[in-house]
PDB file of N, CA and C in Angstrom:
ATOM      1  N   MET A   1     -30.594  20.067  15.521  1.00  0.00           N
ATOM      2  CA  MET A   1     -30.930  21.021  14.620  1.00  0.00           C
ATOM      3  C   MET A   1     -29.793  21.248  13.487  1.00  0.00           C
ATOM      4  N   ALA A   2     -30.163  21.104  12.268  1.00  0.00           N
ATOM      5  CA  ALA A   2     -29.219  21.074  11.131  1.00  0.00           C
ATOM      6  C   ALA A   2     -28.895  22.469  10.801  1.00  0.00           C
ATOM      7  N   ARG A   3     -27.671  22.803  10.282  1.00  0.00           N
ATOM      8  CA  ARG A   3     -27.412  24.138   9.670  1.00  0.00           C
ATOM      9  C   ARG A   3     -27.358  24.139   8.237  1.00  0.00           C
ATOM     10  N   TYR A   4     -27.903  25.075   7.530  1.00  0.00           N
ATOM     11  CA  TYR A   4     -27.788  25.173   6.140  1.00  0.00           C
ATOM     12  C   TYR A   4     -27.280  26.569   5.929  1.00  0.00           C
ATOM     13  N   ARG A   5     -26.689  26.659   4.606  1.00  0.00           N
ATOM     14  CA  ARG A   5     -26.197  27.982   4.091  1.00  0.00           C
ATOM     15  C   ARG A   5     -27.447  28.791   3.934  1.00  0.00           C
ATOM     16  N   ILE A   6     -27.027  30.122   3.846  1.00  0.00           N
ATOM     17  CA  ILE A   6     -28.193  31.132   3.588  1.00  0.00           C
ATOM     18  C   ILE A   6     -28.784  30.896   2.297  1.00  0.00           C
ATOM     19  N   GLY A   7     -30.081  30.733   2.281  1.00  0.00           N
ATOM     20  CA  GLY A   7     -30.798  30.553   1.107  1.00  0.00           C
ATOM     21  C   GLY A   7     -30.969  29.010   0.547  1.00  0.00           C
ATOM     22  N   GLU A   8     -30.272  28.150   1.489  1.00  0.00           N
ATOM     23  CA  GLU A   8     -30.291  26.738   1.199  1.00  0.00           C
ATOM     24  C   GLU A   8     -31.306  26.072   2.054  1.00  0.00           C
ATOM     25  N   THR A   9     -32.125  25.221   1.502  1.00  0.00           N
ATOM     26  CA  THR A   9     -33.183  24.336   2.234  1.00  0.00           C
ATOM     27  C   THR A   9     -32.724  22.975   2.127  1.00  0.00           C
ATOM     28  N   PRO A  10     -33.415  22.102   3.052  1.00  0.00           N
ATOM     29  CA  PRO A  10     -32.965  20.628   2.949  1.00  0.00           C
ATOM     30  C   PRO A  10     -33.249  20.077   1.740  1.00  0.00           C
ATOM     31  N   GLU A  11     -34.150  20.470   0.932  1.00  0.00           N
ATOM     32  CA  GLU A  11     -34.579  19.957  -0.387  1.00  0.00           C
ATOM     33  C   GLU A  11     -33.490  20.298  -1.474  1.00  0.00           C
ATOM     34  N   THR A  12     -32.731  21.475  -1.230  1.00  0.00           N
ATOM     35  CA  THR A  12     -31.867  21.785  -2.356  1.00  0.00           C
ATOM     36  C   THR A  12     -30.323  21.523  -1.989  1.00  0.00           C
ATOM     37  N   GLY A  13     -30.135  21.026  -0.922  1.00  0.00           N
ATOM     38  CA  GLY A  13     -28.771  20.589  -0.505  1.00  0.00           C
ATOM     39  C   GLY A  13     -28.264  19.377  -0.946  1.00  0.00           C
ATOM     40  N   GLY A  14     -27.063  19.146  -1.081  1.00  0.00           N
ATOM     41  CA  GLY A  14     -26.427  17.874  -1.398  1.00  0.00           C
ATOM     42  C   GLY A  14     -26.887  17.087  -2.659  1.00  0.00           C
ATOM     43  N   ASP A  15     -26.141  16.296  -3.121  1.00  0.00           N
ATOM     44  CA  ASP A  15     -26.332  15.486  -4.343  1.00  0.00           C
ATOM     45  C   ASP A  15     -27.232  14.267  -3.809  1.00  0.00           C
ATOM     46  N   VAL A  16     -27.906  13.691  -4.729  1.00  0.00           N
ATOM     47  CA  VAL A  16     -28.856  12.581  -4.451  1.00  0.00           C
ATOM     48  C   VAL A  16     -28.142  11.286  -4.759  1.00  0.00           C
ATOM     49  N   LEU A  17     -28.252  10.309  -3.875  1.00  0.00           N
ATOM     50  CA  LEU A  17     -27.509   9.044  -4.070  1.00  0.00           C
ATOM     51  C   LEU A  17     -28.325   8.265  -5.038  1.00  0.00           C
ATOM     52  N   THR A  18     -27.736   7.675  -6.001  1.00  0.00           N
ATOM     53  CA  THR A  18     -28.363   6.970  -7.073  1.00  0.00           C
ATOM     54  C   THR A  18     -27.883   5.406  -6.989  1.00  0.00           C
ATOM     55  N   GLN A  19     -28.457   4.528  -7.654  1.00  0.00           N
ATOM     56  CA  GLN A  19     -28.003   3.243  -7.693  1.00  0.00           C
ATOM     57  C   GLN A  19     -26.618   3.019  -8.561  1.00  0.00           C
ATOM     58  N   ASP A  20     -26.381   3.960  -9.159  1.00  0.00           N
ATOM     59  CA  ASP A  20     -24.998   4.058 -10.104  1.00  0.00           C
ATOM     60  C   ASP A  20     -24.017   3.900  -8.994  1.00  0.00           C
ATOM     61  N   ILE A  21     -24.099   4.835  -7.985  1.00  0.00           N
ATOM     62  CA  ILE A  21     -22.952   4.892  -6.948  1.00  0.00           C
ATOM     63  C   ILE A  21     -22.652   3.585  -6.203  1.00  0.00           C
ATOM     64  N   PHE A  22     -23.761   2.881  -5.911  1.00  0.00           N
ATOM     65  CA  PHE A  22     -23.619   1.641  -5.330  1.00  0.00           C
ATOM     66  C   PHE A  22     -23.081   0.610  -6.326  1.00  0.00           C
ATOM     67  N   THR A  23     -23.437   0.527  -7.528  1.00  0.00           N
ATOM     68  CA  THR A  23     -23.005  -0.291  -8.504  1.00  0.00           C
ATOM     69  C   THR A  23     -21.539  -0.126  -8.741  1.00  0.00           C
ATOM     70  N   GLY A  24     -21.067   1.138  -8.885  1.00  0.00           N
ATOM     71  CA  GLY A  24     -19.702   1.467  -8.997  1.00  0.00           C
ATOM     72  C   GLY A  24     -18.855   0.989  -7.948  1.00  0.00           C
ATOM     73  N   ALA A  25     -19.396   1.184  -6.634  1.00  0.00           N
ATOM     74  CA  ALA A  25     -18.646   0.633  -5.495  1.00  0.00           C
ATOM     75  C   ALA A  25     -18.430  -0.720  -5.441  1.00  0.00           C
ATOM     76  N   THR A  26     -19.408  -1.548  -5.895  1.00  0.00           N
ATOM     77  CA  THR A  26     -19.434  -2.918  -5.875  1.00  0.00           C
ATOM     78  C   THR A  26     -18.423  -3.363  -6.938  1.00  0.00           C
ATOM     79  N   ILE A  27     -18.504  -2.801  -8.098  1.00  0.00           N
ATOM     80  CA  ILE A  27     -17.422  -3.124  -9.119  1.00  0.00           C
ATOM     81  C   ILE A  27     -15.995  -2.970  -8.617  1.00  0.00           C
ATOM     82  N   PHE A  28     -15.789  -1.810  -7.969  1.00  0.00           N
ATOM     83  CA  PHE A  28     -14.528  -1.481  -7.458  1.00  0.00           C
ATOM     84  C   PHE A  28     -14.116  -2.521  -6.298  1.00  0.00           C
ATOM     85  N   GLY A  29     -15.184  -2.855  -5.524  1.00  0.00           N
ATOM     86  CA  GLY A  29     -14.880  -3.782  -4.509  1.00  0.00           C
ATOM     87  C   GLY A  29     -14.530  -5.147  -5.150  1.00  0.00           C
ATOM     88  N   LEU A  30     -15.106  -5.513  -6.208  1.00  0.00           N
ATOM     89  CA  LEU A  30     -14.854  -6.745  -6.925  1.00  0.00           C
ATOM     90  C   LEU A  30     -13.379  -6.801  -7.421  1.00  0.00           C
ATOM     91  N   MET A  31     -12.939  -5.649  -8.066  1.00  0.00           N
ATOM     92  CA  MET A  31     -11.541  -5.506  -8.452  1.00  0.00           C
ATOM     93  C   MET A  31     -10.529  -5.644  -7.303  1.00  0.00           C
ATOM     94  N   ILE A  32     -10.889  -5.007  -6.235  1.00  0.00           N
ATOM     95  CA  ILE A  32     -10.035  -5.028  -5.079  1.00  0.00           C
ATOM     96  C   ILE A  32      -9.952  -6.363  -4.399  1.00  0.00           C
ATOM     97  N   GLY A  33     -11.073  -6.964  -4.376  1.00  0.00           N
ATOM     98  CA  GLY A  33     -11.135  -8.350  -3.868  1.00  0.00           C
ATOM     99  C   GLY A  33     -10.368  -9.405  -4.656  1.00  0.00           C
ATOM    100  N   ILE A  34     -10.366  -9.326  -6.029  1.00  0.00           N
ATOM    101  CA  ILE A  34      -9.492 -10.105  -6.906  1.00  0.00           C
ATOM    102  C   ILE A  34      -8.163  -9.865  -6.622  1.00  0.00           C
ATOM    103  N   GLY A  35      -7.785  -8.575  -6.526  1.00  0.00           N
ATOM    104  CA  GLY A  35      -6.368  -8.189  -6.240  1.00  0.00           C
ATOM    105  C   GLY A  35      -5.890  -8.651  -4.937  1.00  0.00           C
ATOM    106  N   PHE A  36      -6.700  -8.615  -3.981  1.00  0.00           N
ATOM    107  CA  PHE A  36      -6.288  -9.217  -2.598  1.00  0.00           C
ATOM    108  C   PHE A  36      -6.051 -10.825  -2.598  1.00  0.00           C
ATOM    109  N   VAL A  37      -6.900 -11.461  -3.419  1.00  0.00           N
ATOM    110  CA  VAL A  37      -6.722 -12.954  -3.556  1.00  0.00           C
ATOM    111  C   VAL A  37      -5.377 -13.162  -4.221  1.00  0.00           C
ATOM    112  N   VAL A  38      -5.080 -12.507  -5.260  1.00  0.00           N
ATOM    113  CA  VAL A  38      -3.835 -12.683  -6.052  1.00  0.00           C
ATOM    114  C   VAL A  38      -2.635 -12.283  -5.286  1.00  0.00           C
ATOM    115  N   ALA A  39      -2.617 -11.128  -4.528  1.00  0.00           N
ATOM    116  CA  ALA A  39      -1.696 -10.740  -3.620  1.00  0.00           C
ATOM    117  C   ALA A  39      -1.396 -11.519  -2.409  1.00  0.00           C
ATOM    118  N   GLY A  40      -2.537 -12.051  -1.909  1.00  0.00           N
ATOM    119  CA  GLY A  40      -2.508 -12.944  -0.723  1.00  0.00           C
ATOM    120  C   GLY A  40      -1.840 -14.354  -0.994  1.00  0.00           C
ATOM    121  N   ILE A  41      -2.231 -14.909  -2.005  1.00  0.00           N
ATOM    122  CA  ILE A  41      -1.734 -16.248  -2.518  1.00  0.00           C
ATOM    123  C   ILE A  41      -0.207 -16.046  -2.744  1.00  0.00           C
ATOM    124  N   ARG A  42       0.008 -14.930  -3.516  1.00  0.00           N
ATOM    125  CA  ARG A  42       1.598 -14.736  -4.016  1.00  0.00           C
ATOM    126  C   ARG A  42       2.468 -14.529  -2.943  1.00  0.00           C
ATOM    127  N   GLY A  43       2.033 -13.869  -1.862  1.00  0.00           N
ATOM    128  CA  GLY A  43       2.764 -13.360  -0.706  1.00  0.00           C
ATOM    129  C   GLY A  43       2.578 -14.230   0.481  1.00  0.00           C
ATOM    130  N   LYS A  44       1.829 -15.306   0.296  1.00  0.00           N
ATOM    131  CA  LYS A  44       1.621 -16.296   1.356  1.00  0.00           C
ATOM    132  C   LYS A  44       0.945 -15.696   2.624  1.00  0.00           C
ATOM    133  N   GLN A  45       0.096 -14.761   2.281  1.00  0.00           N
ATOM    134  CA  GLN A  45      -0.644 -14.078   3.359  1.00  0.00           C
ATOM    135  C   GLN A  45      -2.215 -14.477   3.242  1.00  0.00           C
ATOM    136  N   TYR A  46      -2.403 -15.761   3.718  1.00  0.00           N
ATOM    137  CA  TYR A  46      -3.596 -16.273   3.473  1.00  0.00           C
ATOM    138  C   TYR A  46      -4.820 -15.695   4.055  1.00  0.00           C
ATOM    139  N   TRP A  47      -4.733 -14.792   5.053  1.00  0.00           N
ATOM    140  CA  TRP A  47      -5.671 -14.090   5.734  1.00  0.00           C
ATOM    141  C   TRP A  47      -6.220 -13.033   4.536  1.00  0.00           C
ATOM    142  N   LEU A  48      -5.200 -12.451   3.911  1.00  0.00           N
ATOM    143  CA  LEU A  48      -5.518 -11.444   2.823  1.00  0.00           C
ATOM    144  C   LEU A  48      -6.359 -12.067   1.740  1.00  0.00           C
ATOM    145  N   ALA A  49      -5.920 -13.382   1.303  1.00  0.00           N
ATOM    146  CA  ALA A  49      -6.671 -14.140   0.393  1.00  0.00           C
ATOM    147  C   ALA A  49      -8.044 -14.630   0.705  1.00  0.00           C
ATOM    148  N   PHE A  50      -8.102 -14.812   2.050  1.00  0.00           N
ATOM    149  CA  PHE A  50      -9.575 -15.152   2.719  1.00  0.00           C
ATOM    150  C   PHE A  50     -10.375 -13.905   2.560  1.00  0.00           C
ATOM    151  N   TRP A  51      -9.992 -12.737   3.087  1.00  0.00           N
ATOM    152  CA  TRP A  51     -10.797 -11.541   3.029  1.00  0.00           C
ATOM    153  C   TRP A  51     -11.082 -11.180   1.578  1.00  0.00           C
ATOM    154  N   GLY A  52     -10.135 -11.351   0.658  1.00  0.00           N
ATOM    155  CA  GLY A  52     -10.294 -11.034  -0.577  1.00  0.00           C
ATOM    156  C   GLY A  52     -11.427 -11.950  -1.183  1.00  0.00           C
ATOM    157  N   GLY A  53     -11.272 -13.087  -0.961  1.00  0.00           N
ATOM    158  CA  GLY A  53     -12.320 -14.149  -1.493  1.00  0.00           C
ATOM    159  C   GLY A  53     -13.798 -13.714  -0.958  1.00  0.00           C
ATOM    160  N   GLY A  54     -13.883 -13.363   0.239  1.00  0.00           N
ATOM    161  CA  GLY A  54     -15.067 -12.853   0.843  1.00  0.00           C
ATOM    162  C   GLY A  54     -15.640 -11.690   0.139  1.00  0.00           C
ATOM    163  N   LEU A  55     -14.758 -10.645  -0.083  1.00  0.00           N
ATOM    164  CA  LEU A  55     -15.110  -9.467  -0.894  1.00  0.00           C
ATOM    165  C   LEU A  55     -15.539  -9.681  -2.273  1.00  0.00           C
ATOM    166  N   THR A  56     -14.770 -10.686  -2.915  1.00  0.00           N
ATOM    167  CA  THR A  56     -15.160 -10.933  -4.272  1.00  0.00           C
ATOM    168  C   THR A  56     -16.603 -11.768  -4.290  1.00  0.00           C
ATOM    169  N   LEU A  57     -16.677 -12.660  -3.481  1.00  0.00           N
ATOM    170  CA  LEU A  57     -17.913 -13.333  -3.556  1.00  0.00           C
ATOM    171  C   LEU A  57     -19.124 -12.495  -3.163  1.00  0.00           C
ATOM    172  N   SER A  58     -18.994 -11.578  -2.174  1.00  0.00           N
ATOM    173  CA  SER A  58     -20.088 -10.780  -1.785  1.00  0.00           C
ATOM    174  C   SER A  58     -20.542  -9.780  -2.907  1.00  0.00           C
ATOM    175  N   SER A  59     -19.418  -9.253  -3.608  1.00  0.00           N
ATOM    176  CA  SER A  59     -19.654  -8.405  -4.727  1.00  0.00           C
ATOM    177  C   SER A  59     -20.291  -8.988  -5.983  1.00  0.00           C
ATOM    178  N   ILE A  60     -19.826 -10.343  -6.184  1.00  0.00           N
ATOM    179  CA  ILE A  60     -20.448 -11.071  -7.203  1.00  0.00           C
ATOM    180  C   ILE A  60     -21.938 -11.425  -6.883  1.00  0.00           C
ATOM    181  N   ALA A  61     -22.207 -11.745  -5.643  1.00  0.00           N
ATOM    182  CA  ALA A  61     -23.597 -11.979  -5.294  1.00  0.00           C
ATOM    183  C   ALA A  61     -24.491 -10.716  -5.437  1.00  0.00           C
ATOM    184  N   TYR A  62     -23.995  -9.549  -4.935  1.00  0.00           N
ATOM    185  CA  TYR A  62     -24.696  -8.343  -5.146  1.00  0.00           C
ATOM    186  C   TYR A  62     -25.077  -7.953  -6.642  1.00  0.00           C
ATOM    187  N   LEU A  63     -23.951  -8.096  -7.399  1.00  0.00           N
ATOM    188  CA  LEU A  63     -24.350  -7.928  -8.839  1.00  0.00           C
ATOM    189  C   LEU A  63     -25.075  -8.816  -9.473  1.00  0.00           C
ATOM    190  N   ALA A  64     -25.093 -10.102  -9.120  1.00  0.00           N
ATOM    191  CA  ALA A  64     -26.190 -11.091  -9.619  1.00  0.00           C
ATOM    192  C   ALA A  64     -27.450 -10.723  -9.141  1.00  0.00           C
ATOM    193  N   TYR A  65     -27.580 -10.367  -7.843  1.00  0.00           N
ATOM    194  CA  TYR A  65     -28.869  -9.926  -7.458  1.00  0.00           C
ATOM    195  C   TYR A  65     -29.474  -8.743  -8.149  1.00  0.00           C
ATOM    196  N   LEU A  66     -28.527  -7.805  -8.352  1.00  0.00           N
ATOM    197  CA  LEU A  66     -29.028  -6.466  -9.043  1.00  0.00           C
ATOM    198  C   LEU A  66     -29.265  -6.775 -10.600  1.00  0.00           C
ATOM    199  N   PHE A  67     -28.520  -7.508 -11.227  1.00  0.00           N
ATOM    200  CA  PHE A  67     -28.760  -7.670 -12.652  1.00  0.00           C
ATOM    201  C   PHE A  67     -29.625  -8.713 -13.166  1.00  0.00           C
ATOM    202  N   ILE A  68     -29.726  -9.855 -12.108  1.00  0.00           N
ATOM    203  CA  ILE A  68     -30.481 -11.091 -12.615  1.00  0.00           C
ATOM    204  C   ILE A  68     -31.893 -11.130 -12.070  1.00  0.00           C
ATOM    205  N   TRP A  69     -32.013 -10.730 -10.797  1.00  0.00           N
ATOM    206  CA  TRP A  69     -33.239 -10.871 -10.157  1.00  0.00           C
ATOM    207  C   TRP A  69     -34.022  -9.612 -10.106  1.00  0.00           C
ATOM    208  N   LEU A  70     -33.447  -8.417 -10.325  1.00  0.00           N
ATOM    209  CA  LEU A  70     -34.088  -7.188 -10.526  1.00  0.00           C
ATOM    210  C   LEU A  70     -34.568  -6.719 -11.810  1.00  0.00           C
TER     211      LEU A  70
END
């Protein structure tokens, strides 16, 4: 059973999640991924570059899906 403040119903509580939140998080992830790749290569931490590359590619794939195919 959920608890609500007095006078608050499930319909009036909380903010609604929109596509803008997910798009912003994806763009942020893209910037972080690029930073990880650069930092990983410069610091010879190739695991960081690998994870940054994966984050970058997945962010690009999502943005391409969002803006090209939808």
